[in-house]
């Protein structure tokens, strides 16, 4: 997929700049939704099935997701690639901007506020956790509680 120009921002926007791609990645990263049905029914924004199918194809073609092969009667599982994992700092930056400038749901605001307070070491630890979950990388030594679990605990406390 060749970008329309040599501008790095344009190249990124061509992959990530539509209304749904970043939200699909958000749901894979933060909610561990890795199957079509979970992504479809779990979207707070109400993505249509044809749009979701199209975005999943685009994200796979762009190298941000991989699609596992599904045996007969089984569902295909989507996994982040390293390029997909590297979108986490982009999502974090967008969330940080939104904390200041946009209204948000209390539950989701608390999750991102926690990420903001923890800073880049937490983002890196979460990326390492995603590498373990999606790429099969060996887990990195930590304090015993995964960053993913810590993030989910923050969301639960806000309920």
N, C-alpha and C. Protein backbone atom coordinates (compact mmCIF):
# COMPACT_ATOMS: atom_id res chain seq x y z
N UNK A 1 0.85 -1.17 0.00
CA UNK A 1 0.00 0.00 0.00
C UNK A 1 0.90 1.24 0.00
N UNK A 2 1.00 1.88 -1.12
CA UNK A 2 1.85 3.06 -1.27
C UNK A 2 1.10 4.32 -0.85
N UNK A 3 1.70 5.15 0.01
CA UNK A 3 1.05 6.41 0.39
C UNK A 3 1.02 7.39 -0.79
N UNK A 4 0.10 8.33 -0.72
CA UNK A 4 -0.05 9.32 -1.79
C UNK A 4 1.10 10.30 -1.85
N UNK A 5 1.82 10.46 -0.76
CA UNK A 5 2.97 11.37 -0.75
C UNK A 5 4.04 10.78 0.16
N UNK A 6 5.18 11.43 0.19
CA UNK A 6 6.28 10.99 1.03
C UNK A 6 6.21 11.50 2.45
N UNK A 7 5.16 12.23 2.79
CA UNK A 7 5.01 12.79 4.13
C UNK A 7 4.71 11.67 5.13
N UNK A 8 5.51 11.54 6.20
CA UNK A 8 5.25 10.49 7.20
C UNK A 8 3.89 10.61 7.88
N UNK A 9 3.43 11.84 8.11
CA UNK A 9 2.12 12.00 8.74
C UNK A 9 1.03 11.52 7.80
N UNK A 10 1.14 11.87 6.52
CA UNK A 10 0.17 11.38 5.54
C UNK A 10 0.17 9.86 5.49
N UNK A 11 1.34 9.24 5.48
CA UNK A 11 1.42 7.78 5.41
C UNK A 11 0.72 7.14 6.60
N UNK A 12 0.89 7.72 7.79
CA UNK A 12 0.21 7.19 8.99
C UNK A 12 -1.29 7.42 8.91
N UNK A 13 -1.69 8.60 8.47
CA UNK A 13 -3.12 8.92 8.40
C UNK A 13 -3.82 8.02 7.39
N UNK A 14 -3.15 7.65 6.31
CA UNK A 14 -3.77 6.78 5.33
C UNK A 14 -4.11 5.41 5.92
N UNK A 15 -3.36 4.97 6.92
CA UNK A 15 -3.63 3.69 7.57
C UNK A 15 -4.54 3.86 8.77
N UNK A 16 -4.32 4.91 9.55
CA UNK A 16 -5.00 5.05 10.84
C UNK A 16 -6.04 6.16 10.91
N UNK A 17 -6.17 6.94 9.86
CA UNK A 17 -6.94 8.17 9.96
C UNK A 17 -8.43 8.08 9.68
N UNK A 18 -8.96 6.90 9.43
CA UNK A 18 -10.40 6.83 9.22
C UNK A 18 -11.11 6.80 10.58
N UNK A 19 -12.40 6.80 10.55
CA UNK A 19 -13.19 6.89 11.78
C UNK A 19 -13.06 5.66 12.68
N UNK A 20 -12.73 4.50 12.14
CA UNK A 20 -12.84 3.26 12.92
C UNK A 20 -11.53 2.55 13.23
N UNK A 21 -10.49 2.71 12.46
CA UNK A 21 -9.28 1.89 12.62
C UNK A 21 -8.67 2.00 14.01
N UNK A 22 -8.50 3.21 14.51
CA UNK A 22 -7.92 3.35 15.84
C UNK A 22 -8.82 2.78 16.93
N UNK A 23 -10.13 2.86 16.71
CA UNK A 23 -11.06 2.28 17.70
C UNK A 23 -10.99 0.76 17.70
N UNK A 24 -10.82 0.15 16.54
CA UNK A 24 -10.63 -1.30 16.49
C UNK A 24 -9.34 -1.66 17.21
N UNK A 25 -8.26 -0.94 16.94
CA UNK A 25 -7.00 -1.20 17.64
C UNK A 25 -7.15 -0.98 19.14
N UNK A 26 -7.88 0.06 19.53
CA UNK A 26 -8.13 0.31 20.96
C UNK A 26 -8.78 -0.89 21.61
N UNK A 27 -9.79 -1.45 20.95
CA UNK A 27 -10.51 -2.58 21.53
C UNK A 27 -9.65 -3.84 21.59
N UNK A 28 -8.79 -4.03 20.62
CA UNK A 28 -7.86 -5.17 20.66
C UNK A 28 -6.84 -4.97 21.77
N UNK A 29 -6.30 -3.76 21.88
CA UNK A 29 -5.25 -3.49 22.86
C UNK A 29 -5.79 -3.47 24.28
N UNK A 30 -6.81 -2.68 24.54
CA UNK A 30 -7.23 -2.45 25.92
C UNK A 30 -8.30 -3.41 26.42
N UNK A 31 -9.07 -3.98 25.52
CA UNK A 31 -10.15 -4.88 25.94
C UNK A 31 -9.89 -6.32 25.55
N UNK A 32 -8.76 -6.58 24.91
CA UNK A 32 -8.36 -7.92 24.48
C UNK A 32 -9.45 -8.60 23.65
N UNK A 33 -10.14 -7.80 22.84
CA UNK A 33 -11.14 -8.36 21.92
C UNK A 33 -10.40 -8.80 20.66
N UNK A 34 -10.40 -10.09 20.40
CA UNK A 34 -9.58 -10.60 19.30
C UNK A 34 -10.38 -11.38 18.27
N UNK A 35 -11.69 -11.43 18.46
CA UNK A 35 -12.55 -12.12 17.51
C UNK A 35 -13.57 -11.13 16.96
N UNK A 36 -14.01 -11.38 15.74
CA UNK A 36 -14.94 -10.49 15.05
C UNK A 36 -16.16 -10.19 15.92
N UNK A 37 -16.81 -11.21 16.45
CA UNK A 37 -18.03 -11.02 17.23
C UNK A 37 -17.78 -10.15 18.47
N UNK A 38 -16.66 -10.39 19.15
CA UNK A 38 -16.34 -9.59 20.34
C UNK A 38 -16.09 -8.13 19.97
N UNK A 39 -15.43 -7.91 18.85
CA UNK A 39 -15.20 -6.54 18.39
C UNK A 39 -16.50 -5.87 17.98
N UNK A 40 -17.38 -6.61 17.35
CA UNK A 40 -18.64 -6.06 16.88
C UNK A 40 -19.56 -5.71 18.04
N UNK A 41 -19.75 -6.63 18.97
CA UNK A 41 -20.69 -6.41 20.06
C UNK A 41 -20.11 -5.56 21.18
N UNK A 42 -18.79 -5.49 21.28
CA UNK A 42 -18.16 -4.74 22.36
C UNK A 42 -17.89 -3.29 22.03
N UNK A 43 -18.13 -2.88 20.81
CA UNK A 43 -17.85 -1.50 20.41
C UNK A 43 -18.88 -0.56 21.00
N UNK A 44 -18.45 0.32 21.88
CA UNK A 44 -19.35 1.32 22.47
C UNK A 44 -19.88 2.28 21.41
N UNK A 45 -19.14 2.40 20.32
CA UNK A 45 -19.53 3.34 19.27
C UNK A 45 -20.48 2.72 18.25
N UNK A 46 -20.74 1.42 18.34
CA UNK A 46 -21.70 0.77 17.47
C UNK A 46 -21.26 0.59 16.04
N UNK A 47 -20.09 0.02 15.83
CA UNK A 47 -19.59 -0.20 14.48
C UNK A 47 -20.47 -1.22 13.75
N UNK A 48 -20.74 -0.97 12.49
CA UNK A 48 -21.52 -1.89 11.66
C UNK A 48 -20.64 -3.07 11.24
N UNK A 49 -21.24 -4.23 11.05
CA UNK A 49 -20.47 -5.43 10.73
C UNK A 49 -19.69 -5.30 9.42
N UNK A 50 -20.26 -4.67 8.41
CA UNK A 50 -19.53 -4.52 7.14
C UNK A 50 -18.35 -3.57 7.29
N UNK A 51 -18.49 -2.53 8.12
CA UNK A 51 -17.38 -1.60 8.36
C UNK A 51 -16.29 -2.30 9.15
N UNK A 52 -16.67 -3.06 10.18
CA UNK A 52 -15.68 -3.80 10.97
C UNK A 52 -14.92 -4.78 10.08
N UNK A 53 -15.63 -5.53 9.25
CA UNK A 53 -14.96 -6.49 8.36
C UNK A 53 -13.97 -5.77 7.46
N UNK A 54 -14.36 -4.63 6.92
CA UNK A 54 -13.47 -3.85 6.06
C UNK A 54 -12.24 -3.36 6.82
N UNK A 55 -12.44 -2.84 8.03
CA UNK A 55 -11.30 -2.31 8.80
C UNK A 55 -10.35 -3.42 9.21
N UNK A 56 -10.89 -4.58 9.57
CA UNK A 56 -10.01 -5.69 9.92
C UNK A 56 -9.15 -6.09 8.72
N UNK A 57 -9.74 -6.15 7.54
CA UNK A 57 -8.97 -6.46 6.32
C UNK A 57 -7.89 -5.41 6.11
N UNK A 58 -8.26 -4.14 6.22
CA UNK A 58 -7.30 -3.05 6.02
C UNK A 58 -6.15 -3.11 7.04
N UNK A 59 -6.49 -3.37 8.30
CA UNK A 59 -5.46 -3.42 9.35
C UNK A 59 -4.53 -4.62 9.15
N UNK A 60 -5.06 -5.72 8.66
CA UNK A 60 -4.22 -6.88 8.34
C UNK A 60 -3.33 -6.54 7.15
N UNK A 61 -3.90 -5.96 6.10
CA UNK A 61 -3.11 -5.59 4.91
C UNK A 61 -2.03 -4.58 5.23
N UNK A 62 -2.32 -3.67 6.17
CA UNK A 62 -1.34 -2.66 6.57
C UNK A 62 -0.28 -3.21 7.52
N UNK A 63 -0.46 -4.45 7.98
CA UNK A 63 0.54 -5.06 8.85
C UNK A 63 0.40 -4.72 10.32
N UNK A 64 -0.77 -4.21 10.74
CA UNK A 64 -0.98 -3.88 12.15
C UNK A 64 -1.61 -5.03 12.92
N UNK A 65 -2.35 -5.86 12.22
CA UNK A 65 -2.96 -7.06 12.80
C UNK A 65 -2.59 -8.25 11.93
N UNK A 66 -2.60 -9.41 12.54
CA UNK A 66 -2.52 -10.66 11.78
C UNK A 66 -3.81 -11.43 12.06
N UNK A 67 -4.20 -12.21 11.08
CA UNK A 67 -5.43 -13.00 11.21
C UNK A 67 -5.05 -14.46 11.25
N UNK A 68 -5.37 -15.11 12.35
CA UNK A 68 -5.10 -16.54 12.47
C UNK A 68 -6.00 -17.32 11.54
N UNK A 69 -5.54 -18.47 11.12
CA UNK A 69 -6.37 -19.31 10.27
C UNK A 69 -7.40 -20.02 11.14
N UNK A 70 -8.61 -20.03 10.67
CA UNK A 70 -9.70 -20.66 11.43
C UNK A 70 -10.03 -21.99 10.79
N UNK A 71 -10.02 -23.04 11.58
CA UNK A 71 -10.44 -24.35 11.09
C UNK A 71 -11.95 -24.32 10.91
N UNK A 72 -12.45 -25.27 10.20
CA UNK A 72 -13.89 -25.33 9.95
C UNK A 72 -14.67 -25.27 11.27
N UNK A 73 -15.63 -24.36 11.32
CA UNK A 73 -16.46 -24.21 12.51
C UNK A 73 -15.82 -23.37 13.60
N UNK A 74 -14.61 -22.87 13.38
CA UNK A 74 -13.96 -22.04 14.39
C UNK A 74 -13.86 -20.61 13.90
N UNK A 75 -13.67 -19.71 14.82
CA UNK A 75 -13.55 -18.30 14.50
C UNK A 75 -12.08 -17.93 14.35
N UNK A 76 -11.80 -17.00 13.46
CA UNK A 76 -10.43 -16.51 13.29
C UNK A 76 -10.11 -15.53 14.42
N UNK A 77 -8.91 -15.67 14.95
CA UNK A 77 -8.44 -14.78 16.00
C UNK A 77 -7.50 -13.75 15.40
N UNK A 78 -7.68 -12.51 15.78
CA UNK A 78 -6.80 -11.43 15.34
C UNK A 78 -5.77 -11.16 16.43
N UNK A 79 -4.54 -10.90 16.00
CA UNK A 79 -3.46 -10.59 16.93
C UNK A 79 -2.75 -9.34 16.45
N UNK A 80 -2.25 -8.58 17.39
CA UNK A 80 -1.43 -7.43 17.06
C UNK A 80 -0.09 -7.89 16.51
N UNK A 81 0.43 -7.18 15.55
CA UNK A 81 1.80 -7.35 15.11
C UNK A 81 2.64 -6.35 15.90
N UNK A 82 3.94 -6.37 15.70
CA UNK A 82 4.78 -5.36 16.36
C UNK A 82 4.35 -3.96 15.93
N UNK A 83 4.03 -3.78 14.65
CA UNK A 83 3.57 -2.47 14.18
C UNK A 83 2.28 -2.06 14.90
N UNK A 84 1.38 -3.01 15.13
CA UNK A 84 0.15 -2.72 15.85
C UNK A 84 0.42 -2.36 17.30
N UNK A 85 1.34 -3.06 17.93
CA UNK A 85 1.72 -2.76 19.32
C UNK A 85 2.31 -1.36 19.40
N UNK A 86 3.05 -0.96 18.37
CA UNK A 86 3.68 0.36 18.37
C UNK A 86 2.67 1.50 18.21
N UNK A 87 1.39 1.18 17.96
CA UNK A 87 0.37 2.24 17.95
C UNK A 87 -0.05 2.64 19.36
N UNK A 88 0.32 1.87 20.36
CA UNK A 88 -0.08 2.19 21.73
C UNK A 88 0.36 3.59 22.15
N UNK A 89 1.61 4.03 21.89
CA UNK A 89 1.96 5.41 22.25
C UNK A 89 1.11 6.45 21.51
N UNK A 90 0.69 6.15 20.28
CA UNK A 90 -0.18 7.06 19.54
C UNK A 90 -1.54 7.15 20.24
N UNK A 91 -2.11 6.00 20.60
CA UNK A 91 -3.38 5.99 21.32
C UNK A 91 -3.24 6.72 22.65
N UNK A 92 -2.12 6.51 23.32
CA UNK A 92 -1.88 7.17 24.60
C UNK A 92 -1.82 8.69 24.41
N UNK A 93 -1.12 9.15 23.38
CA UNK A 93 -1.03 10.59 23.13
C UNK A 93 -2.41 11.18 22.81
N UNK A 94 -3.20 10.48 22.02
CA UNK A 94 -4.55 10.95 21.72
C UNK A 94 -5.40 11.01 23.00
N UNK A 95 -5.27 10.00 23.83
CA UNK A 95 -6.01 9.99 25.09
C UNK A 95 -5.57 11.10 26.02
N UNK A 96 -4.26 11.38 26.07
CA UNK A 96 -3.76 12.47 26.92
C UNK A 96 -4.31 13.82 26.45
N UNK A 97 -4.35 14.01 25.15
CA UNK A 97 -4.93 15.24 24.61
C UNK A 97 -6.40 15.34 25.02
N UNK A 98 -7.11 14.24 24.89
CA UNK A 98 -8.53 14.23 25.19
C UNK A 98 -8.82 14.46 26.67
N UNK A 99 -7.93 14.01 27.55
CA UNK A 99 -8.13 14.25 28.99
C UNK A 99 -8.29 15.74 29.28
N UNK A 100 -7.57 16.56 28.53
CA UNK A 100 -7.61 18.00 28.74
C UNK A 100 -8.71 18.68 27.95
N UNK A 101 -8.96 18.22 26.74
CA UNK A 101 -9.77 19.00 25.83
C UNK A 101 -11.15 18.44 25.49
N UNK A 102 -11.45 17.24 25.87
CA UNK A 102 -12.72 16.62 25.48
C UNK A 102 -13.40 15.96 26.68
N UNK A 103 -14.72 15.94 26.72
CA UNK A 103 -15.42 15.22 27.79
C UNK A 103 -15.28 13.71 27.56
N UNK A 104 -15.35 12.94 28.64
CA UNK A 104 -15.22 11.49 28.52
C UNK A 104 -16.05 10.79 29.58
N UNK A 105 -16.35 9.54 29.34
CA UNK A 105 -17.03 8.66 30.27
C UNK A 105 -16.13 8.47 31.50
N UNK A 106 -16.70 8.51 32.69
CA UNK A 106 -15.90 8.40 33.91
C UNK A 106 -15.06 7.13 33.95
N UNK A 107 -15.65 6.00 33.57
CA UNK A 107 -14.95 4.73 33.61
C UNK A 107 -13.73 4.76 32.69
N UNK A 108 -13.92 5.20 31.48
CA UNK A 108 -12.82 5.22 30.52
C UNK A 108 -11.85 6.36 30.82
N UNK A 109 -12.36 7.44 31.36
CA UNK A 109 -11.49 8.55 31.76
C UNK A 109 -10.53 8.08 32.85
N UNK A 110 -11.04 7.32 33.82
CA UNK A 110 -10.20 6.83 34.91
C UNK A 110 -9.09 5.93 34.39
N UNK A 111 -9.41 5.08 33.43
CA UNK A 111 -8.41 4.18 32.85
C UNK A 111 -7.28 4.99 32.20
N UNK A 112 -7.66 5.98 31.41
CA UNK A 112 -6.61 6.74 30.74
C UNK A 112 -5.89 7.67 31.70
N UNK A 113 -6.58 8.20 32.69
CA UNK A 113 -5.91 9.03 33.69
C UNK A 113 -4.84 8.21 34.41
N UNK A 114 -5.15 6.97 34.72
CA UNK A 114 -4.16 6.08 35.35
C UNK A 114 -2.95 5.92 34.43
N UNK A 115 -3.18 5.66 33.15
CA UNK A 115 -2.08 5.52 32.20
C UNK A 115 -1.24 6.79 32.16
N UNK A 116 -1.91 7.92 32.13
CA UNK A 116 -1.23 9.21 32.09
C UNK A 116 -0.34 9.40 33.32
N UNK A 117 -0.89 9.08 34.49
CA UNK A 117 -0.13 9.24 35.74
C UNK A 117 1.06 8.28 35.81
N UNK A 118 0.91 7.08 35.26
CA UNK A 118 2.00 6.10 35.30
C UNK A 118 3.10 6.43 34.31
N UNK A 119 2.76 7.09 33.22
CA UNK A 119 3.75 7.58 32.27
C UNK A 119 4.33 6.51 31.36
N UNK A 120 5.41 6.89 30.70
CA UNK A 120 6.00 6.03 29.67
C UNK A 120 6.50 4.68 30.18
N UNK A 121 6.98 4.55 31.43
CA UNK A 121 7.36 3.19 31.88
C UNK A 121 6.18 2.22 31.85
N UNK A 122 5.00 2.71 32.20
CA UNK A 122 3.81 1.86 32.17
C UNK A 122 3.45 1.50 30.73
N UNK A 123 3.53 2.47 29.83
CA UNK A 123 3.22 2.22 28.42
C UNK A 123 4.17 1.16 27.87
N UNK A 124 5.44 1.27 28.19
CA UNK A 124 6.41 0.27 27.72
C UNK A 124 6.12 -1.10 28.32
N UNK A 125 5.76 -1.15 29.61
CA UNK A 125 5.41 -2.42 30.24
C UNK A 125 4.16 -3.02 29.59
N UNK A 126 3.18 -2.18 29.27
CA UNK A 126 1.98 -2.66 28.61
C UNK A 126 2.30 -3.18 27.21
N UNK A 127 3.20 -2.51 26.51
CA UNK A 127 3.62 -2.99 25.19
C UNK A 127 4.31 -4.35 25.31
N UNK A 128 5.12 -4.52 26.34
CA UNK A 128 5.77 -5.83 26.56
C UNK A 128 4.73 -6.90 26.86
N UNK A 129 3.71 -6.55 27.63
CA UNK A 129 2.62 -7.48 27.94
C UNK A 129 1.88 -7.86 26.65
N UNK A 130 1.64 -6.89 25.79
CA UNK A 130 0.99 -7.17 24.51
C UNK A 130 1.86 -8.09 23.64
N UNK A 131 3.17 -7.90 23.68
CA UNK A 131 4.07 -8.78 22.92
C UNK A 131 3.95 -10.22 23.42
N UNK A 132 3.80 -10.40 24.71
CA UNK A 132 3.62 -11.73 25.27
C UNK A 132 2.29 -12.32 24.83
N UNK A 133 1.23 -11.53 24.94
CA UNK A 133 -0.12 -12.01 24.61
C UNK A 133 -0.33 -12.25 23.12
N UNK A 134 0.24 -11.41 22.28
CA UNK A 134 -0.06 -11.46 20.84
C UNK A 134 1.04 -12.08 20.00
N UNK A 135 2.29 -11.93 20.43
CA UNK A 135 3.41 -12.40 19.62
C UNK A 135 4.10 -13.63 20.21
N UNK A 136 3.68 -14.02 21.41
CA UNK A 136 4.28 -15.18 22.06
C UNK A 136 5.66 -14.91 22.64
N UNK A 137 6.00 -13.64 22.86
CA UNK A 137 7.29 -13.29 23.46
C UNK A 137 7.30 -13.74 24.92
N UNK A 138 8.46 -14.08 25.43
CA UNK A 138 8.52 -14.45 26.85
C UNK A 138 8.19 -13.25 27.72
N UNK A 139 7.50 -13.48 28.84
CA UNK A 139 7.16 -12.36 29.71
C UNK A 139 8.40 -11.73 30.31
N UNK A 140 8.35 -10.42 30.49
CA UNK A 140 9.44 -9.69 31.16
C UNK A 140 9.21 -9.77 32.66
N UNK A 141 10.29 -9.76 33.44
CA UNK A 141 10.11 -9.76 34.90
C UNK A 141 9.36 -8.49 35.33
N UNK A 142 8.44 -8.65 36.27
CA UNK A 142 7.69 -7.50 36.76
C UNK A 142 7.36 -7.70 38.23
N UNK A 143 6.44 -6.89 38.72
CA UNK A 143 6.09 -6.95 40.13
C UNK A 143 4.99 -7.98 40.42
N UNK A 144 4.69 -8.84 39.45
CA UNK A 144 3.71 -9.89 39.66
C UNK A 144 2.34 -9.61 39.10
N UNK A 145 1.97 -8.34 38.93
CA UNK A 145 0.68 -8.00 38.37
C UNK A 145 0.92 -7.39 36.99
N UNK A 146 0.32 -7.99 35.98
CA UNK A 146 0.56 -7.50 34.62
C UNK A 146 0.00 -6.09 34.45
N UNK A 147 0.60 -5.30 33.56
CA UNK A 147 0.06 -3.95 33.30
C UNK A 147 -1.37 -4.01 32.81
N UNK A 148 -1.70 -5.02 32.02
CA UNK A 148 -3.07 -5.18 31.51
C UNK A 148 -4.04 -5.36 32.69
N UNK A 149 -3.67 -6.18 33.66
CA UNK A 149 -4.52 -6.39 34.84
C UNK A 149 -4.60 -5.13 35.70
N UNK A 150 -3.51 -4.39 35.82
CA UNK A 150 -3.52 -3.13 36.58
C UNK A 150 -4.46 -2.12 35.92
N UNK A 151 -4.43 -2.08 34.60
CA UNK A 151 -5.29 -1.16 33.86
C UNK A 151 -6.75 -1.54 34.03
N UNK A 152 -7.05 -2.82 33.93
CA UNK A 152 -8.42 -3.29 34.12
C UNK A 152 -8.92 -3.03 35.54
N UNK A 153 -8.03 -3.13 36.51
CA UNK A 153 -8.42 -2.84 37.90
C UNK A 153 -8.82 -1.38 38.05
N UNK A 154 -8.14 -0.48 37.36
CA UNK A 154 -8.49 0.94 37.41
C UNK A 154 -9.87 1.17 36.81
N UNK A 155 -10.16 0.48 35.73
CA UNK A 155 -11.46 0.63 35.07
C UNK A 155 -12.56 0.10 35.99
N UNK A 156 -12.31 -1.02 36.65
CA UNK A 156 -13.30 -1.62 37.54
C UNK A 156 -13.58 -0.70 38.75
N UNK A 157 -12.54 -0.06 39.29
CA UNK A 157 -12.71 0.82 40.43
C UNK A 157 -13.57 2.03 40.09
N UNK A 158 -13.53 2.45 38.82
CA UNK A 158 -14.32 3.62 38.41
C UNK A 158 -15.80 3.31 38.23
N UNK A 159 -16.14 2.01 38.15
CA UNK A 159 -17.56 1.61 37.94
C UNK A 159 -18.43 1.99 39.11
